[in-house]
Full PDB file with SEQRES, HELIX, SHEET, SSBOND, CRYST1, ORIGX, SCALE, CONECT and MASTER records, all heavy atoms in Angstrom:
SEQRES   1 A   38  VAL ILE HIS ALA TYR ALA ASP HIS GLY GLU THR ARG ALA          
SEQRES   2 A   38  ASP THR ILE THR GLY ALA TYR ASP ALA ALA ARG ALA VAL          
SEQRES   3 A   38  PHE ALA ASP LEU GLU SER VAL GLY VAL ASP MET ALA              
HELIX    1 AA1 ILE A    2  HIS A    8  1                                   7    
HELIX    2 AA2 THR A   17  ALA A   19  5                                   3    
HELIX    3 AA3 TYR A   20  VAL A   33  1                                  14    
CRYST1    1.000    1.000    1.000  90.00  90.00  90.00 P 1           1          
ORIGX1      1.000000  0.000000  0.000000        0.00000                         
ORIGX2      0.000000  1.000000  0.000000        0.00000                         
ORIGX3      0.000000  0.000000  1.000000        0.00000                         
SCALE1      1.000000  0.000000  0.000000        0.00000                         
SCALE2      0.000000  1.000000  0.000000        0.00000                         
SCALE3      0.000000  0.000000  1.000000        0.00000                         
ATOM      1  N   VAL A   1     114.195 -18.984-123.901  1.00  0.00           N  
ATOM      2  CA  VAL A   1     115.147 -19.590-124.834  1.00  0.00           C  
ATOM      3  C   VAL A   1     115.804 -18.513-125.686  1.00  0.00           C  
ATOM      4  O   VAL A   1     117.011 -18.579-125.974  1.00  0.00           O  
ATOM      5  CB  VAL A   1     114.456 -20.648-125.715  1.00  0.00           C  
ATOM      6  CG1 VAL A   1     115.453 -21.258-126.703  1.00  0.00           C  
ATOM      7  CG2 VAL A   1     113.844 -21.750-124.851  1.00  0.00           C  
ATOM      8  N   ILE A   2     115.035 -17.501-126.081  1.00  0.00           N  
ATOM      9  CA  ILE A   2     115.610 -16.383-126.830  1.00  0.00           C  
ATOM     10  C   ILE A   2     116.710 -15.715-126.019  1.00  0.00           C  
ATOM     11  O   ILE A   2     117.818 -15.457-126.518  1.00  0.00           O  
ATOM     12  CB  ILE A   2     114.515 -15.366-127.207  1.00  0.00           C  
ATOM     13  CG1 ILE A   2     113.560 -15.962-128.247  1.00  0.00           C  
ATOM     14  CG2 ILE A   2     115.127 -14.062-127.741  1.00  0.00           C  
ATOM     15  CD1 ILE A   2     112.375 -15.085-128.575  1.00  0.00           C  
ATOM     16  N   HIS A   3     116.427 -15.446-124.758  1.00  0.00           N  
ATOM     17  CA  HIS A   3     117.428 -14.789-123.912  1.00  0.00           C  
ATOM     18  C   HIS A   3     118.622 -15.709-123.647  1.00  0.00           C  
ATOM     19  O   HIS A   3     119.765 -15.241-123.580  1.00  0.00           O  
ATOM     20  CB  HIS A   3     116.788 -14.341-122.601  1.00  0.00           C  
ATOM     21  CG  HIS A   3     115.801 -13.227-122.767  1.00  0.00           C  
ATOM     22  ND1 HIS A   3     116.060 -12.091-123.508  1.00  0.00           N  
ATOM     23  CD2 HIS A   3     114.532 -13.071-122.292  1.00  0.00           C  
ATOM     24  CE1 HIS A   3     115.012 -11.283-123.485  1.00  0.00           C  
ATOM     25  NE2 HIS A   3     114.069 -11.862-122.751  1.00  0.00           N  
ATOM     26  N   ALA A   4     118.352 -17.002-123.495  1.00  0.00           N  
ATOM     27  CA  ALA A   4     119.457 -17.946-123.278  1.00  0.00           C  
ATOM     28  C   ALA A   4     120.393 -17.968-124.481  1.00  0.00           C  
ATOM     29  O   ALA A   4     121.617 -17.977-124.338  1.00  0.00           O  
ATOM     30  CB  ALA A   4     118.908 -19.346-122.998  1.00  0.00           C  
ATOM     31  N   TYR A   5     119.805 -17.975-125.678  1.00  0.00           N  
ATOM     32  CA  TYR A   5     120.648 -17.985-126.873  1.00  0.00           C  
ATOM     33  C   TYR A   5     121.419 -16.676-127.002  1.00  0.00           C  
ATOM     34  O   TYR A   5     122.609 -16.677-127.361  1.00  0.00           O  
ATOM     35  CB  TYR A   5     119.824 -18.231-128.137  1.00  0.00           C  
ATOM     36  CG  TYR A   5     120.695 -18.677-129.291  1.00  0.00           C  
ATOM     37  CD1 TYR A   5     120.921 -20.033-129.511  1.00  0.00           C  
ATOM     38  CD2 TYR A   5     121.329 -17.757-130.119  1.00  0.00           C  
ATOM     39  CE1 TYR A   5     121.759 -20.454-130.540  1.00  0.00           C  
ATOM     40  CE2 TYR A   5     122.164 -18.164-131.142  1.00  0.00           C  
ATOM     41  CZ  TYR A   5     122.376 -19.516-131.346  1.00  0.00           C  
ATOM     42  OH  TYR A   5     123.227 -19.923-132.354  1.00  0.00           O  
ATOM     43  N   ALA A   6     120.769 -15.572-126.682  1.00  0.00           N  
ATOM     44  CA  ALA A   6     121.455 -14.286-126.737  1.00  0.00           C  
ATOM     45  C   ALA A   6     122.634 -14.261-125.778  1.00  0.00           C  
ATOM     46  O   ALA A   6     123.649 -13.607-126.033  1.00  0.00           O  
ATOM     47  CB  ALA A   6     120.476 -13.159-126.403  1.00  0.00           C  
ATOM     48  N   ASP A   7     122.516 -15.008-124.691  1.00  0.00           N  
ATOM     49  CA  ASP A   7     123.570 -15.028-123.673  1.00  0.00           C  
ATOM     50  C   ASP A   7     124.707 -15.987-124.017  1.00  0.00           C  
ATOM     51  O   ASP A   7     125.887 -15.632-123.911  1.00  0.00           O  
ATOM     52  CB  ASP A   7     122.971 -15.406-122.314  1.00  0.00           C  
ATOM     53  CG  ASP A   7     124.021 -15.468-121.223  1.00  0.00           C  
ATOM     54  OD1 ASP A   7     124.556 -14.400-120.872  1.00  0.00           O  
ATOM     55  OD2 ASP A   7     124.310 -16.585-120.735  1.00  0.00           O  
ATOM     56  N   HIS A   8     124.388 -17.211-124.423  1.00  0.00           N  
ATOM     57  CA  HIS A   8     125.457 -18.198-124.591  1.00  0.00           C  
ATOM     58  C   HIS A   8     125.265 -19.146-125.775  1.00  0.00           C  
ATOM     59  O   HIS A   8     125.898 -20.190-125.847  1.00  0.00           O  
ATOM     60  CB  HIS A   8     125.619 -19.025-123.306  1.00  0.00           C  
ATOM     61  CG  HIS A   8     124.333 -19.664-122.828  1.00  0.00           C  
ATOM     62  ND1 HIS A   8     123.529 -19.072-121.889  1.00  0.00           N  
ATOM     63  CD2 HIS A   8     123.712 -20.820-123.162  1.00  0.00           C  
ATOM     64  CE1 HIS A   8     122.479 -19.831-121.660  1.00  0.00           C  
ATOM     65  NE2 HIS A   8     122.566 -20.905-122.425  1.00  0.00           N  
ATOM     66  N   GLY A   9     124.391 -18.789-126.711  1.00  0.00           N  
ATOM     67  CA  GLY A   9     124.232 -19.628-127.892  1.00  0.00           C  
ATOM     68  C   GLY A   9     125.466 -19.577-128.787  1.00  0.00           C  
ATOM     69  O   GLY A   9     126.170 -18.564-128.840  1.00  0.00           O  
ATOM     70  N   GLU A  10     125.697 -20.678-129.481  1.00  0.00           N  
ATOM     71  CA  GLU A  10     126.835 -20.756-130.390  1.00  0.00           C  
ATOM     72  C   GLU A  10     126.317 -20.957-131.814  1.00  0.00           C  
ATOM     73  O   GLU A  10     125.737 -21.995-132.128  1.00  0.00           O  
ATOM     74  CB  GLU A  10     127.762 -21.912-130.005  1.00  0.00           C  
ATOM     75  CG  GLU A  10     128.403 -21.745-128.632  1.00  0.00           C  
ATOM     76  CD  GLU A  10     129.301 -22.913-128.267  1.00  0.00           C  
ATOM     77  OE1 GLU A  10     129.502 -23.812-129.126  1.00  0.00           O  
ATOM     78  OE2 GLU A  10     129.785 -22.943-127.124  1.00  0.00           O  
ATOM     79  N   THR A  11     126.515 -19.962-132.648  1.00  0.00           N  
ATOM     80  CA  THR A  11     126.054 -20.026-134.032  1.00  0.00           C  
ATOM     81  C   THR A  11     127.173 -20.564-134.909  1.00  0.00           C  
ATOM     82  O   THR A  11     128.175 -19.887-135.138  1.00  0.00           O  
ATOM     83  CB  THR A  11     125.616 -18.643-134.542  1.00  0.00           C  
ATOM     84  OG1 THR A  11     124.596 -18.129-133.682  1.00  0.00           O  
ATOM     85  CG2 THR A  11     125.085 -18.739-135.963  1.00  0.00           C  
ATOM     86  N   ARG A  12     126.994 -21.798-135.337  1.00  0.00           N  
ATOM     87  CA  ARG A  12     127.950 -22.401-136.271  1.00  0.00           C  
ATOM     88  C   ARG A  12     127.324 -22.422-137.662  1.00  0.00           C  
ATOM     89  O   ARG A  12     126.122 -22.373-137.812  1.00  0.00           O  
ATOM     90  CB  ARG A  12     128.280 -23.834-135.829  1.00  0.00           C  
ATOM     91  CG  ARG A  12     129.092 -23.903-134.538  1.00  0.00           C  
ATOM     92  CD  ARG A  12     129.069 -25.301-133.957  1.00  0.00           C  
ATOM     93  NE  ARG A  12     127.808 -25.567-133.261  1.00  0.00           N  
ATOM     94  CZ  ARG A  12     127.248 -26.758-133.189  1.00  0.00           C  
ATOM     95  NH1 ARG A  12     127.782 -27.786-133.822  1.00  0.00           N  
ATOM     96  NH2 ARG A  12     126.133 -26.931-132.511  1.00  0.00           N  
ATOM     97  N   ALA A  13     128.171 -22.489-138.657  1.00  0.00           N  
ATOM     98  CA  ALA A  13     127.655 -22.596-140.029  1.00  0.00           C  
ATOM     99  C   ALA A  13     126.834 -23.872-140.124  1.00  0.00           C  
ATOM    100  O   ALA A  13     127.157 -24.879-139.501  1.00  0.00           O  
ATOM    101  CB  ALA A  13     128.807 -22.622-141.019  1.00  0.00           C  
ATOM    102  N   ASP A  14     125.759 -23.798-140.898  1.00  0.00           N  
ATOM    103  CA  ASP A  14     124.840 -24.905-141.169  1.00  0.00           C  
ATOM    104  C   ASP A  14     125.135 -26.207-140.401  1.00  0.00           C  
ATOM    105  O   ASP A  14     126.065 -26.937-140.701  1.00  0.00           O  
ATOM    106  CB  ASP A  14     124.866 -25.187-142.669  1.00  0.00           C  
ATOM    107  CG  ASP A  14     123.707 -26.061-143.113  1.00  0.00           C  
ATOM    108  OD1 ASP A  14     123.170 -26.816-142.285  1.00  0.00           O  
ATOM    109  OD2 ASP A  14     123.346 -25.992-144.298  1.00  0.00           O  
ATOM    110  N   THR A  15     124.318 -26.465-139.391  1.00  0.00           N  
ATOM    111  CA  THR A  15     124.499 -27.675-138.571  1.00  0.00           C  
ATOM    112  C   THR A  15     123.571 -28.809-139.011  1.00  0.00           C  
ATOM    113  O   THR A  15     123.441 -29.807-138.304  1.00  0.00           O  
ATOM    114  CB  THR A  15     124.231 -27.360-137.084  1.00  0.00           C  
ATOM    115  OG1 THR A  15     122.921 -26.797-136.940  1.00  0.00           O  
ATOM    116  CG2 THR A  15     125.262 -26.385-136.532  1.00  0.00           C  
ATOM    117  N   ILE A  16     122.949 -28.658-140.171  1.00  0.00           N  
ATOM    118  CA  ILE A  16     121.980 -29.658-140.624  1.00  0.00           C  
ATOM    119  C   ILE A  16     122.441 -30.429-141.854  1.00  0.00           C  
ATOM    120  O   ILE A  16     122.477 -31.656-141.855  1.00  0.00           O  
ATOM    121  CB  ILE A  16     120.608 -29.000-140.906  1.00  0.00           C  
ATOM    122  CG1 ILE A  16     120.007 -28.433-139.614  1.00  0.00           C  
ATOM    123  CG2 ILE A  16     119.647 -30.013-141.520  1.00  0.00           C  
ATOM    124  CD1 ILE A  16     118.645 -27.782-139.799  1.00  0.00           C  
ATOM    125  N   THR A  17     122.778 -29.720-142.933  1.00  0.00           N  
ATOM    126  CA  THR A  17     122.938 -30.405-144.215  1.00  0.00           C  
ATOM    127  C   THR A  17     124.091 -31.397-144.247  1.00  0.00           C  
ATOM    128  O   THR A  17     124.077 -32.317-145.057  1.00  0.00           O  
ATOM    129  CB  THR A  17     123.106 -29.391-145.368  1.00  0.00           C  
ATOM    130  OG1 THR A  17     124.199 -28.512-145.060  1.00  0.00           O  
ATOM    131  CG2 THR A  17     121.847 -28.580-145.565  1.00  0.00           C  
ATOM    132  N   GLY A  18     125.065 -31.241-143.385  1.00  0.00           N  
ATOM    133  CA  GLY A  18     126.155 -32.211-143.368  1.00  0.00           C  
ATOM    134  C   GLY A  18     125.909 -33.375-142.432  1.00  0.00           C  
ATOM    135  O   GLY A  18     126.786 -34.237-142.264  1.00  0.00           O  
ATOM    136  N   ALA A  19     124.713 -33.424-141.838  1.00  0.00           N  
ATOM    137  CA  ALA A  19     124.454 -34.412-140.783  1.00  0.00           C  
ATOM    138  C   ALA A  19     123.454 -35.481-141.184  1.00  0.00           C  
ATOM    139  O   ALA A  19     123.015 -36.266-140.346  1.00  0.00           O  
ATOM    140  CB  ALA A  19     123.945 -33.688-139.529  1.00  0.00           C  
ATOM    141  N   TYR A  20     123.108 -35.558-142.451  1.00  0.00           N  
ATOM    142  CA  TYR A  20     122.056 -36.496-142.863  1.00  0.00           C  
ATOM    143  C   TYR A  20     122.430 -37.955-142.602  1.00  0.00           C  
ATOM    144  O   TYR A  20     121.607 -38.734-142.099  1.00  0.00           O  
ATOM    145  CB  TYR A  20     121.721 -36.312-144.346  1.00  0.00           C  
ATOM    146  CG  TYR A  20     121.203 -34.945-144.707  1.00  0.00           C  
ATOM    147  CD1 TYR A  20     121.478 -34.386-145.953  1.00  0.00           C  
ATOM    148  CD2 TYR A  20     120.429 -34.195-143.817  1.00  0.00           C  
ATOM    149  CE1 TYR A  20     121.000 -33.128-146.299  1.00  0.00           C  
ATOM    150  CE2 TYR A  20     119.951 -32.944-144.155  1.00  0.00           C  
ATOM    151  CZ  TYR A  20     120.247 -32.406-145.394  1.00  0.00           C  
ATOM    152  OH  TYR A  20     119.775 -31.169-145.742  1.00  0.00           O  
ATOM    153  N   ASP A  21     123.638 -38.336-142.941  1.00  0.00           N  
ATOM    154  CA  ASP A  21     124.048 -39.730-142.729  1.00  0.00           C  
ATOM    155  C   ASP A  21     124.064 -40.079-141.245  1.00  0.00           C  
ATOM    156  O   ASP A  21     123.634 -41.166-140.848  1.00  0.00           O  
ATOM    157  CB  ASP A  21     125.417 -39.991-143.356  1.00  0.00           C  
ATOM    158  CG  ASP A  21     125.369 -40.014-144.872  1.00  0.00           C  
ATOM    159  OD1 ASP A  21     124.268 -40.175-145.429  1.00  0.00           O  
ATOM    160  OD2 ASP A  21     126.442 -39.863-145.498  1.00  0.00           O  
ATOM    161  N   ALA A  22     124.563 -39.163-140.432  1.00  0.00           N  
ATOM    162  CA  ALA A  22     124.585 -39.399-138.984  1.00  0.00           C  
ATOM    163  C   ALA A  22     123.161 -39.503-138.436  1.00  0.00           C  
ATOM    164  O   ALA A  22     122.886 -40.325-137.546  1.00  0.00           O  
ATOM    165  CB  ALA A  22     125.333 -38.266-138.281  1.00  0.00           C  
ATOM    166  N   ALA A  23     122.255 -38.698-138.977  1.00  0.00           N  
ATOM    167  CA  ALA A  23     120.855 -38.756-138.531  1.00  0.00           C  
ATOM    168  C   ALA A  23     120.224 -40.093-138.893  1.00  0.00           C  
ATOM    169  O   ALA A  23     119.493 -40.693-138.088  1.00  0.00           O  
ATOM    170  CB  ALA A  23     120.055 -37.613-139.158  1.00  0.00           C  
ATOM    171  N   ARG A  24     120.514 -40.578-140.102  1.00  0.00           N  
ATOM    172  CA  ARG A  24     119.988 -41.892-140.488  1.00  0.00           C  
ATOM    173  C   ARG A  24     120.559 -42.993-139.597  1.00  0.00           C  
ATOM    174  O   ARG A  24     119.857 -43.964-139.265  1.00  0.00           O  
ATOM    175  CB  ARG A  24     120.292 -42.165-141.968  1.00  0.00           C  
ATOM    176  CG  ARG A  24     119.281 -41.549-142.908  1.00  0.00           C  
ATOM    177  CD  ARG A  24     119.502 -41.984-144.347  1.00  0.00           C  
ATOM    178  NE  ARG A  24     120.545 -41.178-144.970  1.00  0.00           N  
ATOM    179  CZ  ARG A  24     120.315 -40.005-145.566  1.00  0.00           C  
ATOM    180  NH1 ARG A  24     119.097 -39.517-145.618  1.00  0.00           N  
ATOM    181  NH2 ARG A  24     121.303 -39.341-146.127  1.00  0.00           N  
ATOM    182  N   ALA A  25     121.796 -42.841-139.199  1.00  0.00           N  
ATOM    183  CA  ALA A  25     122.416 -43.825-138.302  1.00  0.00           C  
ATOM    184  C   ALA A  25     121.714 -43.839-136.946  1.00  0.00           C  
ATOM    185  O   ALA A  25     121.534 -44.909-136.342  1.00  0.00           O  
ATOM    186  CB  ALA A  25     123.908 -43.520-138.131  1.00  0.00           C  
ATOM    187  N   VAL A  26     121.307 -42.666-136.461  1.00  0.00           N  
ATOM    188  CA  VAL A  26     120.562 -42.594-135.200  1.00  0.00           C  
ATOM    189  C   VAL A  26     119.254 -43.358-135.321  1.00  0.00           C  
ATOM    190  O   VAL A  26     118.888 -44.146-134.430  1.00  0.00           O  
ATOM    191  CB  VAL A  26     120.287 -41.126-134.805  1.00  0.00           C  
ATOM    192  CG1 VAL A  26     119.275 -41.054-133.658  1.00  0.00           C  
ATOM    193  CG2 VAL A  26     121.573 -40.426-134.411  1.00  0.00           C  
ATOM    194  N   PHE A  27     118.551 -43.192-136.435  1.00  0.00           N  
ATOM    195  CA  PHE A  27     117.293 -43.904-136.644  1.00  0.00           C  
ATOM    196  C   PHE A  27     117.521 -45.417-136.696  1.00  0.00           C  
ATOM    197  O   PHE A  27     116.732 -46.195-136.138  1.00  0.00           O  
ATOM    198  CB  PHE A  27     116.621 -43.418-137.929  1.00  0.00           C  
ATOM    199  CG  PHE A  27     115.671 -42.269-137.720  1.00  0.00           C  
ATOM    200  CD1 PHE A  27     116.067 -41.142-137.012  1.00  0.00           C  
ATOM    201  CD2 PHE A  27     114.381 -42.324-138.199  1.00  0.00           C  
ATOM    202  CE1 PHE A  27     115.198 -40.083-136.817  1.00  0.00           C  
ATOM    203  CE2 PHE A  27     113.489 -41.275-138.004  1.00  0.00           C  
ATOM    204  CZ  PHE A  27     113.903 -40.143-137.313  1.00  0.00           C  
ATOM    205  N   ALA A  28     118.596 -45.830-137.341  1.00  0.00           N  
ATOM    206  CA  ALA A  28     118.905 -47.264-137.416  1.00  0.00           C  
ATOM    207  C   ALA A  28     119.212 -47.810-136.029  1.00  0.00           C  
ATOM    208  O   ALA A  28     118.774 -48.922-135.666  1.00  0.00           O  
ATOM    209  CB  ALA A  28     120.085 -47.495-138.353  1.00  0.00           C  
ATOM    210  N   ASP A  29     119.938 -47.043-135.231  1.00  0.00           N  
ATOM    211  CA  ASP A  29     120.270 -47.479-133.872  1.00  0.00           C  
ATOM    212  C   ASP A  29     119.021 -47.552-132.996  1.00  0.00           C  
ATOM    213  O   ASP A  29     118.883 -48.481-132.173  1.00  0.00           O  
ATOM    214  CB  ASP A  29     121.289 -46.525-133.247  1.00  0.00           C  
ATOM    215  CG  ASP A  29     122.666 -46.633-133.885  1.00  0.00           C  
ATOM    216  OD1 ASP A  29     122.934 -47.651-134.566  1.00  0.00           O  
ATOM    217  OD2 ASP A  29     123.481 -45.696-133.714  1.00  0.00           O  
ATOM    218  N   LEU A  30     118.124 -46.596-133.161  1.00  0.00           N  
ATOM    219  CA  LEU A  30     116.873 -46.627-132.390  1.00  0.00           C  
ATOM    220  C   LEU A  30     116.057 -47.870-132.730  1.00  0.00           C  
ATOM    221  O   LEU A  30     115.514 -48.534-131.835  1.00  0.00           O  
ATOM    222  CB  LEU A  30     116.050 -45.362-132.671  1.00  0.00           C  
ATOM    223  CG  LEU A  30     116.584 -44.063-132.076  1.00  0.00           C  
ATOM    224  CD1 LEU A  30     115.850 -42.862-132.671  1.00  0.00           C  
ATOM    225  CD2 LEU A  30     116.453 -44.068-130.559  1.00  0.00           C  
ATOM    226  N   GLU A  31     116.009 -48.186-134.002  1.00  0.00           N  
ATOM    227  CA  GLU A  31     115.285 -49.389-134.419  1.00  0.00           C  
ATOM    228  C   GLU A  31     115.935 -50.645-133.854  1.00  0.00           C  
ATOM    229  O   GLU A  31     115.248 -51.578-133.417  1.00  0.00           O  
ATOM    230  CB  GLU A  31     115.244 -49.465-135.946  1.00  0.00           C  
ATOM    231  CG  GLU A  31     114.439 -50.652-136.478  1.00  0.00           C  
ATOM    232  CD  GLU A  31     114.414 -50.709-137.989  1.00  0.00           C  
ATOM    233  OE1 GLU A  31     115.090 -49.886-138.640  1.00  0.00           O  
ATOM    234  OE2 GLU A  31     113.711 -51.591-138.532  1.00  0.00           O  
ATOM    235  N   SER A  32     117.258 -50.648-133.824  1.00  0.00           N  
ATOM    236  CA  SER A  32     117.980 -51.842-133.365  1.00  0.00           C  
ATOM    237  C   SER A  32     117.762 -52.129-131.885  1.00  0.00           C  
ATOM    238  O   SER A  32     117.820 -53.283-131.457  1.00  0.00           O  
ATOM    239  CB  SER A  32     119.479 -51.702-133.641  1.00  0.00           C  
ATOM    240  OG  SER A  32     120.072 -50.731-132.781  1.00  0.00           O  
ATOM    241  N   VAL A  33     117.485 -51.093-131.087  1.00  0.00           N  
ATOM    242  CA  VAL A  33     117.240 -51.319-129.658  1.00  0.00           C  
ATOM    243  C   VAL A  33     115.758 -51.492-129.354  1.00  0.00           C  
ATOM    244  O   VAL A  33     115.383 -51.703-128.192  1.00  0.00           O  
ATOM    245  CB  VAL A  33     117.831 -50.185-128.793  1.00  0.00           C  
ATOM    246  CG1 VAL A  33     119.339 -50.096-128.982  1.00  0.00           C  
ATOM    247  CG2 VAL A  33     117.146 -48.850-129.063  1.00  0.00           C  
ATOM    248  N   GLY A  34     114.902 -51.376-130.385  1.00  0.00           N  
ATOM    249  CA  GLY A  34     113.490 -51.660-130.184  1.00  0.00           C  
ATOM    250  C   GLY A  34     112.561 -50.471-130.106  1.00  0.00           C  
ATOM    251  O   GLY A  34     111.407 -50.603-129.672  1.00  0.00           O  
ATOM    252  N   VAL A  35     113.017 -49.288-130.536  1.00  0.00           N  
ATOM    253  CA  VAL A  35     112.137 -48.116-130.558  1.00  0.00           C  
ATOM    254  C   VAL A  35     111.416 -48.058-131.903  1.00  0.00           C  
ATOM    255  O   VAL A  35     112.052 -47.981-132.959  1.00  0.00           O  
ATOM    256  CB  VAL A  35     112.931 -46.814-130.331  1.00  0.00           C  
ATOM    257  CG1 VAL A  35     112.011 -45.601-130.497  1.00  0.00           C  
ATOM    258  CG2 VAL A  35     113.568 -46.803-128.948  1.00  0.00           C  
ATOM    259  N   ASP A  36     110.103 -48.103-131.858  1.00  0.00           N  
ATOM    260  CA  ASP A  36     109.276 -48.038-133.060  1.00  0.00           C  
ATOM    261  C   ASP A  36     108.940 -46.576-133.332  1.00  0.00           C  
ATOM    262  O   ASP A  36     108.026 -46.010-132.726  1.00  0.00           O  
ATOM    263  CB  ASP A  36     107.998 -48.852-132.838  1.00  0.00           C  
ATOM    264  CG  ASP A  36     107.095 -48.906-134.068  1.00  0.00           C  
ATOM    265  OD1 ASP A  36     107.311 -48.114-135.003  1.00  0.00           O  
ATOM    266  OD2 ASP A  36     106.162 -49.726-134.085  1.00  0.00           O  
ATOM    267  N   MET A  37     109.674 -45.939-134.253  1.00  0.00           N  
ATOM    268  CA  MET A  37     109.482 -44.511-134.496  1.00  0.00           C  
ATOM    269  C   MET A  37     108.107 -44.212-135.088  1.00  0.00           C  
ATOM    270  O   MET A  37     107.537 -43.146-134.831  1.00  0.00           O  
ATOM    271  CB  MET A  37     110.585 -43.981-135.408  1.00  0.00           C  
ATOM    272  CG  MET A  37     111.927 -43.772-134.707  1.00  0.00           C  
ATOM    273  SD  MET A  37     111.835 -42.645-133.286  1.00  0.00           S  
ATOM    274  CE  MET A  37     111.405 -41.097-134.079  1.00  0.00           C  
ATOM    275  N   ALA A  38     107.552 -45.126-135.861  1.00  0.00           N  
ATOM    276  CA  ALA A  38     106.209 -44.903-136.409  1.00  0.00           C  
ATOM    277  C   ALA A  38     105.195 -44.787-135.275  1.00  0.00           C  
ATOM    278  O   ALA A  38     104.287 -43.937-135.315  1.00  0.00           O  
ATOM    279  CB  ALA A  38     105.829 -46.030-137.361  1.00  0.00           C  
TER     280      ALA A  38                                                      
MASTER        0    0    0    3    0    0    0    6  279    1    0    3          
END                                                                             
């Protein structure tokens, strides 16, 4: 994986902190289709 990233990884500015709402939406969608995350 280290070598793969060195070859073709794409480093974008912070890919986490702006994604919290979208992440919560994923959890809501998983629950709606019947996936019990607990």
